Every structure is written in C-alpha cells, then in structure tokens.
Amino acid sequence: MIAPITSKPKSYYLPTHVLLPNELGLPQNSMVLLEQVRTIDKSRLTYLVGLANEEVMCCIDRALGISVGLLELSDVFRDEPERPEEMTLCLCPVCASQFYNSPDHIIRRVNPLQNHKETCTYCDVRNGYDYIIIKKKKRLGD
C-alpha cells in the first residue's frame, strides 16, 4: 500500500493525516494522507524516501485503521488517556468561544464528525459538542 506525502500540511485535525518530521529522512516536515491509500506492485517502487520510527508507525497504523474502517473514530479517542493539563467538556458555541478567546487554553473538537449534540457542561443551558481543553504551559519570562 502507498499513500501520498505532502510538504504543505493543511488539515492537522483530520484523523487520517499524520505528521512526518524531517528527521525520518524527508527533506522537510511533511504529512501523509492516509485517506488516499492505493495498492501498487512492489516493483514500481524506485527508491527509499525515509524510515518511520515506532511512534510514527503507531500513528500511521491508527490513521490507516480509521481510513479503511477497521477502527471507529470514537474508539480511538476513547483509548487515549487524558493528561493532567487537559480536560474534556461538552461545550455550546457560546461557552466554547470563551476558551477560543483565552490566551491560556488550546481548544479542539474531540471528534470533528460528531453530529449528536449534548447539554453543555459549562452553562447547562444550551447544547454543544465534546471538546478537549488543554491548558498552555507558561513560558519563562511570562
């Protein structure tokens, strides 16, 4: 199987995209797009571009599993342990904007494909989606 690699990464949030650092043998940081896999004959491969380490291969395996339907997106996110500096909340757009506008937090959707809304855990009034809130680390001098 082959997958295209681009040096112009755009969609970091897609679960089928995996970042490849240039330390793996590529000329610059790149991204493999695992939603576009194809099967080709091994004889058509002309040269080795680079080698992925175990950590990157684990990410590629997970993204490939999502791409071909072996893994559900919700199963992947459920298996990831929460770090102490992050929390998962269901947020409505109004409450999510408070975190988006905060310089102390990074906010991202747990599952960008989630279409079922639940009650916001922050205001308990409106409906929203699940988000991961990550507290930014303080830099020296701040």
Foldseek 3Di string as FASTA:
>chain_A
DDFDKAQDDDCPPDLLKAWDQCVQQAPGIIITRLLGDDDDDPVPDDDDRGDDDPVRVVSNVRSNCVNVVVDDLVVVLVPDDDDPQKDKWFADPVVVVVLVPDPFKDKDASDPPDDDWDQGPPPRPDTGGIMMIGGDDDDPPD
